[in-house]
Amino acid sequence: EELQPYDIARIFEGLPEKHHTRFLLLLDSEQIAELI
């Protein structure tokens, strides 16, 4: 089962701010576009 954009956004929000950039680097451009 793949993570949905809502799930990814919740994970992102739950991370400390210092890890946001590293988390985004793990996603592909399509996944990032769905978050925006």
PDB file of N, CA and C in Angstrom:
ATOM      1  N   GLU A   1       0.844  -1.185   0.000  1.00  0.00           N
ATOM      2  CA  GLU A   1       0.000   0.000   0.000  1.00  0.00           C
ATOM      3  C   GLU A   1       0.890   1.250   0.000  1.00  0.00           C
ATOM      4  N   GLU A   2       0.671   2.108  -0.974  1.00  0.00           N
ATOM      5  CA  GLU A   2       1.459   3.337  -1.077  1.00  0.00           C
ATOM      6  C   GLU A   2       0.934   4.406  -0.142  1.00  0.00           C
ATOM      7  N   LEU A   3       1.853   5.249   0.298  1.00  0.00           N
ATOM      8  CA  LEU A   3       1.436   6.404   1.086  1.00  0.00           C
ATOM      9  C   LEU A   3       0.736   7.404   0.183  1.00  0.00           C
ATOM     10  N   GLN A   4      -0.339   7.957   0.662  1.00  0.00           N
ATOM     11  CA  GLN A   4      -1.081   8.973  -0.070  1.00  0.00           C
ATOM     12  C   GLN A   4      -0.526  10.350   0.301  1.00  0.00           C
ATOM     13  N   PRO A   5      -0.768  11.372  -0.539  1.00  0.00           N
ATOM     14  CA  PRO A   5      -0.255  12.715  -0.243  1.00  0.00           C
ATOM     15  C   PRO A   5      -0.602  13.186   1.173  1.00  0.00           C
ATOM     16  N   TYR A   6      -1.806  12.873   1.632  1.00  0.00           N
ATOM     17  CA  TYR A   6      -2.207  13.277   2.983  1.00  0.00           C
ATOM     18  C   TYR A   6      -1.307  12.621   4.032  1.00  0.00           C
ATOM     19  N   ASP A   7      -0.991  11.343   3.842  1.00  0.00           N
ATOM     20  CA  ASP A   7      -0.126  10.628   4.777  1.00  0.00           C
ATOM     21  C   ASP A   7       1.269  11.234   4.803  1.00  0.00           C
ATOM     22  N   ILE A   8       1.790  11.531   3.617  1.00  0.00           N
ATOM     23  CA  ILE A   8       3.129  12.116   3.513  1.00  0.00           C
ATOM     24  C   ILE A   8       3.156  13.480   4.192  1.00  0.00           C
ATOM     25  N   ALA A   9       2.115  14.276   3.986  1.00  0.00           N
ATOM     26  CA  ALA A   9       2.043  15.601   4.611  1.00  0.00           C
ATOM     27  C   ALA A   9       2.014  15.483   6.131  1.00  0.00           C
ATOM     28  N   ARG A  10       1.298  14.511   6.659  1.00  0.00           N
ATOM     29  CA  ARG A  10       1.237  14.326   8.121  1.00  0.00           C
ATOM     30  C   ARG A  10       2.592  13.920   8.676  1.00  0.00           C
ATOM     31  N   ILE A  11       3.302  13.053   7.966  1.00  0.00           N
ATOM     32  CA  ILE A  11       4.646  12.657   8.398  1.00  0.00           C
ATOM     33  C   ILE A  11       5.554  13.881   8.398  1.00  0.00           C
ATOM     34  N   PHE A  12       5.495  14.663   7.310  1.00  0.00           N
ATOM     35  CA  PHE A  12       6.322  15.862   7.173  1.00  0.00           C
ATOM     36  C   PHE A  12       6.064  16.828   8.324  1.00  0.00           C
ATOM     37  N   GLU A  13       4.794  17.081   8.626  1.00  0.00           N
ATOM     38  CA  GLU A  13       4.442  18.003   9.707  1.00  0.00           C
ATOM     39  C   GLU A  13       4.927  17.503  11.058  1.00  0.00           C
ATOM     40  N   GLY A  14       4.996  16.205  11.233  1.00  0.00           N
ATOM     41  CA  GLY A  14       5.409  15.637  12.508  1.00  0.00           C
ATOM     42  C   GLY A  14       6.912  15.638  12.737  1.00  0.00           C
ATOM     43  N   LEU A  15       7.666  15.889  11.686  1.00  0.00           N
ATOM     44  CA  LEU A  15       9.122  15.899  11.812  1.00  0.00           C
ATOM     45  C   LEU A  15       9.618  17.223  12.378  1.00  0.00           C
ATOM     46  N   PRO A  16      10.722  17.186  13.123  1.00  0.00           N
ATOM     47  CA  PRO A  16      11.351  18.446  13.522  1.00  0.00           C
ATOM     48  C   PRO A  16      11.768  19.206  12.260  1.00  0.00           C
ATOM     49  N   GLU A  17      11.718  20.523  12.324  1.00  0.00           N
ATOM     50  CA  GLU A  17      12.004  21.354  11.146  1.00  0.00           C
ATOM     51  C   GLU A  17      13.373  21.063  10.540  1.00  0.00           C
ATOM     52  N   LYS A  18      14.341  20.698  11.371  1.00  0.00           N
ATOM     53  CA  LYS A  18      15.692  20.444  10.854  1.00  0.00           C
ATOM     54  C   LYS A  18      15.734  19.247   9.895  1.00  0.00           C
ATOM     55  N   HIS A  19      14.720  18.386   9.924  1.00  0.00           N
ATOM     56  CA  HIS A  19      14.689  17.206   9.054  1.00  0.00           C
ATOM     57  C   HIS A  19      13.833  17.399   7.802  1.00  0.00           C
ATOM     58  N   HIS A  20      13.175  18.537   7.660  1.00  0.00           N
ATOM     59  CA  HIS A  20      12.282  18.758   6.520  1.00  0.00           C
ATOM     60  C   HIS A  20      13.010  18.625   5.184  1.00  0.00           C
ATOM     61  N   THR A  21      14.165  19.246   5.051  1.00  0.00           N
ATOM     62  CA  THR A  21      14.896  19.198   3.780  1.00  0.00           C
ATOM     63  C   THR A  21      15.284  17.767   3.435  1.00  0.00           C
ATOM     64  N   ARG A  22      15.797  17.042   4.402  1.00  0.00           N
ATOM     65  CA  ARG A  22      16.210  15.656   4.152  1.00  0.00           C
ATOM     66  C   ARG A  22      15.015  14.801   3.730  1.00  0.00           C
ATOM     67  N   PHE A  23      13.863  15.013   4.362  1.00  0.00           N
ATOM     68  CA  PHE A  23      12.656  14.264   4.012  1.00  0.00           C
ATOM     69  C   PHE A  23      12.248  14.553   2.574  1.00  0.00           C
ATOM     70  N   LEU A  24      12.276  15.828   2.180  1.00  0.00           N
ATOM     71  CA  LEU A  24      11.885  16.192   0.816  1.00  0.00           C
ATOM     72  C   LEU A  24      12.830  15.589  -0.219  1.00  0.00           C
ATOM     73  N   LEU A  25      14.089  15.409   0.141  1.00  0.00           N
ATOM     74  CA  LEU A  25      15.048  14.809  -0.789  1.00  0.00           C
ATOM     75  C   LEU A  25      14.722  13.341  -1.079  1.00  0.00           C
ATOM     76  N   LEU A  26      13.971  12.702  -0.189  1.00  0.00           N
ATOM     77  CA  LEU A  26      13.591  11.298  -0.390  1.00  0.00           C
ATOM     78  C   LEU A  26      12.413  11.137  -1.345  1.00  0.00           C
ATOM     79  N   LEU A  27      11.702  12.232  -1.598  1.00  0.00           N
ATOM     80  CA  LEU A  27      10.520  12.186  -2.454  1.00  0.00           C
ATOM     81  C   LEU A  27      10.886  12.539  -3.888  1.00  0.00           C
ATOM     82  N   ASP A  28      10.120  12.034  -4.834  1.00  0.00           N
ATOM     83  CA  ASP A  28      10.337  12.456  -6.214  1.00  0.00           C
ATOM     84  C   ASP A  28       9.495  13.706  -6.487  1.00  0.00           C
ATOM     85  N   SER A  29       9.730  14.344  -7.608  1.00  0.00           N
ATOM     86  CA  SER A  29       9.076  15.625  -7.903  1.00  0.00           C
ATOM     87  C   SER A  29       7.556  15.502  -7.968  1.00  0.00           C
ATOM     88  N   GLU A  30       7.058  14.372  -8.439  1.00  0.00           N
ATOM     89  CA  GLU A  30       5.602  14.179  -8.514  1.00  0.00           C
ATOM     90  C   GLU A  30       4.984  14.134  -7.111  1.00  0.00           C
ATOM     91  N   GLN A  31       5.654  13.449  -6.190  1.00  0.00           N
ATOM     92  CA  GLN A  31       5.144  13.387  -4.817  1.00  0.00           C
ATOM     93  C   GLN A  31       5.156  14.768  -4.166  1.00  0.00           C
ATOM     94  N   ILE A  32       6.204  15.538  -4.396  1.00  0.00           N
ATOM     95  CA  ILE A  32       6.286  16.890  -3.829  1.00  0.00           C
ATOM     96  C   ILE A  32       5.187  17.763  -4.409  1.00  0.00           C
ATOM     97  N   ALA A  33       4.945  17.653  -5.710  1.00  0.00           N
ATOM     98  CA  ALA A  33       3.894  18.449  -6.351  1.00  0.00           C
ATOM     99  C   ALA A  33       2.528  18.130  -5.756  1.00  0.00           C
ATOM    100  N   GLU A  34       2.282  16.879  -5.411  1.00  0.00           N
ATOM    101  CA  GLU A  34       1.001  16.501  -4.810  1.00  0.00           C
ATOM    102  C   GLU A  34       0.837  17.098  -3.416  1.00  0.00           C
ATOM    103  N   LEU A  35       1.939  17.352  -2.735  1.00  0.00           N
ATOM    104  CA  LEU A  35       1.870  17.922  -1.388  1.00  0.00           C
ATOM    105  C   LEU A  35       1.529  19.401  -1.407  1.00  0.00           C
ATOM    106  N   ILE A  36       1.897  20.054  -2.492  1.00  0.00           N
ATOM    107  CA  ILE A  36       1.733  21.520  -2.559  1.00  0.00           C
ATOM    108  C   ILE A  36       0.329  21.918  -2.843  1.00  0.00           C
TER     109      ILE A  36
END
